[in-house]
């Protein structure tokens, strides 16, 4: 069996994923270019029913109030350490498929990285509602794509099928949180494990006589 490429799972929902993304590009750009990028999100009910029927289990659990308060403090502390100015968004009725399925379309158009940067900036720096198709459409326009192409991605049956495949990868890899990094049989969960993942990538490349 061929060894699967190294990869990481990210989510637009998670502030830890956002900061890991910033750290990855700033400190380990060689690693960022050598790995696959996979989105991870909570599906809406129709998709969840399809996943349930296929035996796909995603390990999402409701967040306790205590954990939520801790994350507010922790993210504030970590963002200060990185000199990041963030705006905590208000998610009254989040629909994570809107942004994550749009990513699949942007990636297909060769603008996946640019889309990620724009969505993270919109959500965590400008406090915008990325569950709003109009916000995603505006990002598409910013990237030079037809706004309706990204704004309507979550309603396109073909894109939704690709989304199911993406979530199946989440299940297959045993991803239980983001950011999540995988190199061969080694798994690294959390932004504080990014350095270890990068080291394992570079060690692997040196052993092969190459660089990431």
C-alpha atoms as a PDB file:
ATOM      1  CA  UNK A   1       0.000   0.000   0.000  1.00  0.00           C
ATOM      2  CA  UNK A   2       1.377   3.407  -0.976  1.00  0.00           C
ATOM      3  CA  UNK A   3       2.188   5.719   1.879  1.00  0.00           C
ATOM      4  CA  UNK A   4      -0.254   8.625   2.063  1.00  0.00           C
ATOM      5  CA  UNK A   5       1.197  12.134   1.784  1.00  0.00           C
ATOM      6  CA  UNK A   6       1.720  14.211   4.936  1.00  0.00           C
ATOM      7  CA  UNK A   7      -1.280  16.450   5.582  1.00  0.00           C
ATOM      8  CA  UNK A   8      -3.017  18.767   7.970  1.00  0.00           C
ATOM      9  CA  UNK A   9      -6.646  19.393   8.800  1.00  0.00           C
ATOM     10  CA  UNK A  10      -7.818  22.940   9.364  1.00  0.00           C
ATOM     11  CA  UNK A  11     -11.118  24.628  10.132  1.00  0.00           C
ATOM     12  CA  UNK A  12     -12.301  28.189   9.684  1.00  0.00           C
ATOM     13  CA  UNK A  13     -14.266  27.823  12.898  1.00  0.00           C
ATOM     14  CA  UNK A  14     -11.272  27.294  15.166  1.00  0.00           C
ATOM     15  CA  UNK A  15      -9.076  30.148  16.422  1.00  0.00           C
ATOM     16  CA  UNK A  16      -6.368  27.569  17.139  1.00  0.00           C
ATOM     17  CA  UNK A  17      -6.480  26.486  13.518  1.00  0.00           C
ATOM     18  CA  UNK A  18      -6.188  30.142  12.467  1.00  0.00           C
ATOM     19  CA  UNK A  19      -3.108  30.690  14.616  1.00  0.00           C
ATOM     20  CA  UNK A  20      -1.570  27.382  13.527  1.00  0.00           C
ATOM     21  CA  UNK A  21      -2.080  28.518   9.935  1.00  0.00           C
ATOM     22  CA  UNK A  22      -0.247  31.761  10.693  1.00  0.00           C
ATOM     23  CA  UNK A  23       2.591  29.904  12.441  1.00  0.00           C
ATOM     24  CA  UNK A  24       2.840  27.356   9.638  1.00  0.00           C
ATOM     25  CA  UNK A  25       3.316  29.989   6.945  1.00  0.00           C
ATOM     26  CA  UNK A  26       5.572  32.219   9.032  1.00  0.00           C
ATOM     27  CA  UNK A  27       7.915  29.635  10.523  1.00  0.00           C
ATOM     28  CA  UNK A  28       7.609  26.542   8.335  1.00  0.00           C
ATOM     29  CA  UNK A  29       6.827  27.641   4.756  1.00  0.00           C
ATOM     30  CA  UNK A  30       8.768  24.700   3.332  1.00  0.00           C
ATOM     31  CA  UNK A  31       6.536  22.312   5.287  1.00  0.00           C
ATOM     32  CA  UNK A  32       3.384  24.188   4.252  1.00  0.00           C
ATOM     33  CA  UNK A  33       4.296  23.657   0.602  1.00  0.00           C
ATOM     34  CA  UNK A  34       5.035  19.957   1.091  1.00  0.00           C
ATOM     35  CA  UNK A  35       1.775  18.842   2.701  1.00  0.00           C
ATOM     36  CA  UNK A  36      -1.832  18.383   1.685  1.00  0.00           C
ATOM     37  CA  UNK A  37      -4.406  20.804   3.121  1.00  0.00           C
ATOM     38  CA  UNK A  38      -7.749  19.306   4.188  1.00  0.00           C
ATOM     39  CA  UNK A  39     -10.796  21.146   5.547  1.00  0.00           C
ATOM     40  CA  UNK A  40     -12.694  19.888   8.565  1.00  0.00           C
ATOM     41  CA  UNK A  41     -16.118  21.132   9.676  1.00  0.00           C
ATOM     42  CA  UNK A  42     -19.379  20.173  11.328  1.00  0.00           C
ATOM     43  CA  UNK A  43     -21.894  19.095   8.668  1.00  0.00           C
ATOM     44  CA  UNK A  44     -25.525  20.101   8.559  1.00  0.00           C
ATOM     45  CA  UNK A  45     -28.250  17.559   9.277  1.00  0.00           C
ATOM     46  CA  UNK A  46     -28.869  16.185   5.732  1.00  0.00           C
ATOM     47  CA  UNK A  47     -25.169  15.470   5.257  1.00  0.00           C
ATOM     48  CA  UNK A  48     -24.879  14.088   8.775  1.00  0.00           C
ATOM     49  CA  UNK A  49     -27.661  11.624   7.982  1.00  0.00           C
ATOM     50  CA  UNK A  50     -25.784  10.441   4.894  1.00  0.00           C
ATOM     51  CA  UNK A  51     -22.621  10.019   6.917  1.00  0.00           C
ATOM     52  CA  UNK A  52     -24.492   8.107   9.604  1.00  0.00           C
ATOM     53  CA  UNK A  53     -25.932   5.771   6.976  1.00  0.00           C
ATOM     54  CA  UNK A  54     -22.428   5.105   5.665  1.00  0.00           C
ATOM     55  CA  UNK A  55     -21.090   4.407   9.147  1.00  0.00           C
ATOM     56  CA  UNK A  56     -18.970   7.556   9.188  1.00  0.00           C
ATOM     57  CA  UNK A  57     -18.621   8.943  12.700  1.00  0.00           C
ATOM     58  CA  UNK A  58     -17.267  12.421  13.315  1.00  0.00           C
ATOM     59  CA  UNK A  59     -16.173  12.941  16.934  1.00  0.00           C
ATOM     60  CA  UNK A  60     -17.851  16.281  17.573  1.00  0.00           C
ATOM     61  CA  UNK A  61     -19.197  16.946  21.044  1.00  0.00           C
ATOM     62  CA  UNK A  62     -20.985  20.028  22.424  1.00  0.00           C
ATOM     63  CA  UNK A  63     -18.671  22.472  24.175  1.00  0.00           C
ATOM     64  CA  UNK A  64     -19.249  23.083  27.861  1.00  0.00           C
ATOM     65  CA  UNK A  65     -19.605  26.616  29.196  1.00  0.00           C
ATOM     66  CA  UNK A  66     -16.438  26.144  31.245  1.00  0.00           C
ATOM     67  CA  UNK A  67     -14.410  25.119  28.203  1.00  0.00           C
ATOM     68  CA  UNK A  68     -15.802  28.026  26.207  1.00  0.00           C
ATOM     69  CA  UNK A  69     -14.704  30.524  28.860  1.00  0.00           C
ATOM     70  CA  UNK A  70     -11.275  28.912  28.994  1.00  0.00           C
ATOM     71  CA  UNK A  71     -10.866  29.163  25.223  1.00  0.00           C
ATOM     72  CA  UNK A  72     -11.751  32.854  25.321  1.00  0.00           C
ATOM     73  CA  UNK A  73      -8.921  33.452  27.796  1.00  0.00           C
ATOM     74  CA  UNK A  74      -6.473  31.122  26.086  1.00  0.00           C
ATOM     75  CA  UNK A  75      -6.984  32.559  22.610  1.00  0.00           C
ATOM     76  CA  UNK A  76      -6.621  36.100  23.930  1.00  0.00           C
ATOM     77  CA  UNK A  77      -3.330  35.100  25.542  1.00  0.00           C
ATOM     78  CA  UNK A  78      -1.995  33.299  22.469  1.00  0.00           C
ATOM     79  CA  UNK A  79      -2.961  36.082  20.086  1.00  0.00           C
ATOM     80  CA  UNK A  80      -1.128  38.625  22.274  1.00  0.00           C
ATOM     81  CA  UNK A  81       1.982  36.430  22.199  1.00  0.00           C
ATOM     82  CA  UNK A  82       1.858  36.579  18.386  1.00  0.00           C
ATOM     83  CA  UNK A  83       1.053  40.284  18.204  1.00  0.00           C
ATOM     84  CA  UNK A  84      -2.194  39.429  16.434  1.00  0.00           C
ATOM     85  CA  UNK A  85      -5.163  41.732  16.616  1.00  0.00           C
ATOM     86  CA  UNK A  86      -8.282  39.606  16.558  1.00  0.00           C
ATOM     87  CA  UNK A  87     -12.000  40.228  16.724  1.00  0.00           C
ATOM     88  CA  UNK A  88     -14.037  37.433  18.251  1.00  0.00           C
ATOM     89  CA  UNK A  89     -16.911  36.734  15.844  1.00  0.00           C
ATOM     90  CA  UNK A  90     -20.494  36.163  16.929  1.00  0.00           C
ATOM     91  CA  UNK A  91     -21.957  32.976  15.441  1.00  0.00           C
ATOM     92  CA  UNK A  92     -25.690  33.115  16.037  1.00  0.00           C
ATOM     93  CA  UNK A  93     -26.617  30.480  13.451  1.00  0.00           C
ATOM     94  CA  UNK A  94     -23.389  29.083  12.007  1.00  0.00           C
ATOM     95  CA  UNK A  95     -23.443  27.117   8.763  1.00  0.00           C
ATOM     96  CA  UNK A  96     -19.913  25.834   8.335  1.00  0.00           C
ATOM     97  CA  UNK A  97     -20.679  24.218   4.991  1.00  0.00           C
ATOM     98  CA  UNK A  98     -20.978  27.680   3.412  1.00  0.00           C
ATOM     99  CA  UNK A  99     -17.302  28.505   3.833  1.00  0.00           C
ATOM    100  CA  UNK A 100     -15.736  25.046   3.775  1.00  0.00           C
ATOM    101  CA  UNK A 101     -17.498  23.856   0.637  1.00  0.00           C
ATOM    102  CA  UNK A 102     -16.569  27.155  -0.999  1.00  0.00           C
ATOM    103  CA  UNK A 103     -12.958  26.309  -0.159  1.00  0.00           C
ATOM    104  CA  UNK A 104     -13.226  23.128  -2.221  1.00  0.00           C
ATOM    105  CA  UNK A 105     -14.333  25.212  -5.199  1.00  0.00           C
ATOM    106  CA  UNK A 106     -11.599  27.809  -4.687  1.00  0.00           C
ATOM    107  CA  UNK A 107      -9.015  25.038  -4.415  1.00  0.00           C
ATOM    108  CA  UNK A 108     -10.238  23.552  -7.677  1.00  0.00           C
ATOM    109  CA  UNK A 109      -9.724  26.978  -9.255  1.00  0.00           C
ATOM    110  CA  UNK A 110      -6.136  27.056  -7.990  1.00  0.00           C
ATOM    111  CA  UNK A 111      -6.880  29.652  -5.305  1.00  0.00           C
ATOM    112  CA  UNK A 112      -7.240  27.499  -2.210  1.00  0.00           C
ATOM    113  CA  UNK A 113      -4.480  29.182  -0.211  1.00  0.00           C
ATOM    114  CA  UNK A 114      -5.719  32.653  -1.154  1.00  0.00           C
ATOM    115  CA  UNK A 115      -9.243  31.728  -0.106  1.00  0.00           C
ATOM    116  CA  UNK A 116      -8.062  30.418   3.254  1.00  0.00           C
ATOM    117  CA  UNK A 117      -6.152  33.634   3.919  1.00  0.00           C
ATOM    118  CA  UNK A 118      -9.171  35.767   3.003  1.00  0.00           C
ATOM    119  CA  UNK A 119     -11.644  33.755   5.103  1.00  0.00           C
ATOM    120  CA  UNK A 120      -9.409  33.677   8.160  1.00  0.00           C
ATOM    121  CA  UNK A 121      -8.896  37.434   7.806  1.00  0.00           C
ATOM    122  CA  UNK A 122     -12.636  38.024   7.429  1.00  0.00           C
ATOM    123  CA  UNK A 123     -13.551  35.912  10.453  1.00  0.00           C
ATOM    124  CA  UNK A 124     -10.758  36.397  12.968  1.00  0.00           C
ATOM    125  CA  UNK A 125      -9.520  39.871  12.126  1.00  0.00           C
ATOM    126  CA  UNK A 126     -12.647  41.610  10.868  1.00  0.00           C
ATOM    127  CA  UNK A 127     -15.289  39.655  12.814  1.00  0.00           C
ATOM    128  CA  UNK A 128     -17.372  38.924   9.717  1.00  0.00           C
ATOM    129  CA  UNK A 129     -19.991  36.190   9.479  1.00  0.00           C
ATOM    130  CA  UNK A 130     -18.505  33.583   7.153  1.00  0.00           C
ATOM    131  CA  UNK A 131     -21.760  31.619   7.296  1.00  0.00           C
ATOM    132  CA  UNK A 132     -23.272  34.369   5.155  1.00  0.00           C
ATOM    133  CA  UNK A 133     -23.070  33.452   1.446  1.00  0.00           C
ATOM    134  CA  UNK A 134     -22.765  37.151   0.596  1.00  0.00           C
ATOM    135  CA  UNK A 135     -19.553  37.387   2.622  1.00  0.00           C
ATOM    136  CA  UNK A 136     -18.162  34.349   0.830  1.00  0.00           C
ATOM    137  CA  UNK A 137     -19.270  35.753  -2.517  1.00  0.00           C
ATOM    138  CA  UNK A 138     -17.436  38.993  -1.774  1.00  0.00           C
ATOM    139  CA  UNK A 139     -14.299  36.983  -1.045  1.00  0.00           C
ATOM    140  CA  UNK A 140     -14.739  35.232  -4.393  1.00  0.00           C
ATOM    141  CA  UNK A 141     -14.920  38.597  -6.120  1.00  0.00           C
ATOM    142  CA  UNK A 142     -11.810  39.712  -4.248  1.00  0.00           C
ATOM    143  CA  UNK A 143     -10.004  36.658  -5.632  1.00  0.00           C
ATOM    144  CA  UNK A 144     -11.183  37.321  -9.169  1.00  0.00           C
ATOM    145  CA  UNK A 145     -13.806  34.569  -9.211  1.00  0.00           C
ATOM    146  CA  UNK A 146     -17.517  34.932  -9.987  1.00  0.00           C
ATOM    147  CA  UNK A 147     -19.114  35.709  -6.599  1.00  0.00           C
ATOM    148  CA  UNK A 148     -21.952  33.251  -7.171  1.00  0.00           C
ATOM    149  CA  UNK A 149     -19.453  30.436  -7.744  1.00  0.00           C
ATOM    150  CA  UNK A 150     -18.347  30.493  -4.102  1.00  0.00           C
ATOM    151  CA  UNK A 151     -21.520  31.896  -2.558  1.00  0.00           C
ATOM    152  CA  UNK A 152     -23.559  29.004  -3.960  1.00  0.00           C
ATOM    153  CA  UNK A 153     -21.038  26.218  -3.420  1.00  0.00           C
ATOM    154  CA  UNK A 154     -22.956  24.822  -0.436  1.00  0.00           C
ATOM    155  CA  UNK A 155     -26.058  24.372  -2.638  1.00  0.00           C
ATOM    156  CA  UNK A 156     -24.274  22.625  -5.517  1.00  0.00           C
ATOM    157  CA  UNK A 157     -24.951  18.845  -5.372  1.00  0.00           C
ATOM    158  CA  UNK A 158     -21.591  18.003  -6.959  1.00  0.00           C
ATOM    159  CA  UNK A 159     -19.693  20.122  -4.431  1.00  0.00           C
ATOM    160  CA  UNK A 160     -21.703  18.619  -1.578  1.00  0.00           C
ATOM    161  CA  UNK A 161     -20.652  15.154  -2.735  1.00  0.00           C
ATOM    162  CA  UNK A 162     -17.043  16.278  -2.641  1.00  0.00           C
ATOM    163  CA  UNK A 163     -17.719  17.573   0.837  1.00  0.00           C
ATOM    164  CA  UNK A 164     -18.892  14.137   1.937  1.00  0.00           C
ATOM    165  CA  UNK A 165     -15.656  12.657   0.585  1.00  0.00           C
ATOM    166  CA  UNK A 166     -13.682  15.273   2.523  1.00  0.00           C
ATOM    167  CA  UNK A 167     -15.505  14.438   5.750  1.00  0.00           C
ATOM    168  CA  UNK A 168     -14.935  10.757   5.101  1.00  0.00           C
ATOM    169  CA  UNK A 169     -11.213  11.566   5.116  1.00  0.00           C
ATOM    170  CA  UNK A 170     -11.681  13.192   8.525  1.00  0.00           C
ATOM    171  CA  UNK A 171     -13.261   9.953   9.746  1.00  0.00           C
ATOM    172  CA  UNK A 172     -10.642   7.715   8.147  1.00  0.00           C
ATOM    173  CA  UNK A 173      -7.765   9.671   9.652  1.00  0.00           C
ATOM    174  CA  UNK A 174      -9.328   9.708  13.105  1.00  0.00           C
ATOM    175  CA  UNK A 175      -9.307  13.494  13.320  1.00  0.00           C
ATOM    176  CA  UNK A 176     -10.912  14.596  16.596  1.00  0.00           C
ATOM    177  CA  UNK A 177      -9.879  18.245  16.641  1.00  0.00           C
ATOM    178  CA  UNK A 178      -8.036  20.931  14.724  1.00  0.00           C
ATOM    179  CA  UNK A 179      -5.372  21.720  13.856  1.00  0.00           C
ATOM    180  CA  UNK A 180      -4.416  18.115  13.211  1.00  0.00           C
ATOM    181  CA  UNK A 181      -1.188  17.081  11.460  1.00  0.00           C
ATOM    182  CA  UNK A 182      -0.254  13.663  10.094  1.00  0.00           C
ATOM    183  CA  UNK A 183       3.098  12.404   8.855  1.00  0.00           C
ATOM    184  CA  UNK A 184       3.042   8.723   8.054  1.00  0.00           C
ATOM    185  CA  UNK A 185       1.867   6.947  11.194  1.00  0.00           C
ATOM    186  CA  UNK A 186       2.605   9.933  13.425  1.00  0.00           C
ATOM    187  CA  UNK A 187      -0.230  12.227  14.417  1.00  0.00           C
ATOM    188  CA  UNK A 188       0.050  15.651  16.032  1.00  0.00           C
ATOM    189  CA  UNK A 189      -2.966  17.437  17.516  1.00  0.00           C
ATOM    190  CA  UNK A 190      -2.994  21.078  18.460  1.00  0.00           C
ATOM    191  CA  UNK A 191      -1.072  24.175  17.459  1.00  0.00           C
ATOM    192  CA  UNK A 192       1.547  23.438  20.119  1.00  0.00           C
ATOM    193  CA  UNK A 193       2.410  20.245  18.218  1.00  0.00           C
ATOM    194  CA  UNK A 194       3.186  22.068  14.968  1.00  0.00           C
ATOM    195  CA  UNK A 195       6.913  22.321  15.756  1.00  0.00           C
ATOM    196  CA  UNK A 196       7.109  18.565  16.322  1.00  0.00           C
ATOM    197  CA  UNK A 197       5.269  17.884  13.086  1.00  0.00           C
ATOM    198  CA  UNK A 198       7.596  20.211  11.173  1.00  0.00           C
ATOM    199  CA  UNK A 199      10.634  18.527  12.711  1.00  0.00           C
ATOM    200  CA  UNK A 200       9.336  15.104  11.681  1.00  0.00           C
ATOM    201  CA  UNK A 201       8.750  16.382   8.146  1.00  0.00           C
ATOM    202  CA  UNK A 202      12.255  17.798   7.866  1.00  0.00           C
ATOM    203  CA  UNK A 203      13.836  14.678   9.352  1.00  0.00           C
ATOM    204  CA  UNK A 204      11.956  12.565   6.836  1.00  0.00           C
ATOM    205  CA  UNK A 205      13.153  14.811   4.009  1.00  0.00           C
ATOM    206  CA  UNK A 206      16.771  14.658   5.197  1.00  0.00           C
ATOM    207  CA  UNK A 207      16.609  10.878   5.383  1.00  0.00           C
ATOM    208  CA  UNK A 208      15.374  10.832   1.793  1.00  0.00           C
ATOM    209  CA  UNK A 209      18.173  13.192   0.783  1.00  0.00           C
ATOM    210  CA  UNK A 210      15.780  15.982  -0.029  1.00  0.00           C
ATOM    211  CA  UNK A 211      14.057  18.974   1.551  1.00  0.00           C
ATOM    212  CA  UNK A 212      10.335  19.375   2.177  1.00  0.00           C
END
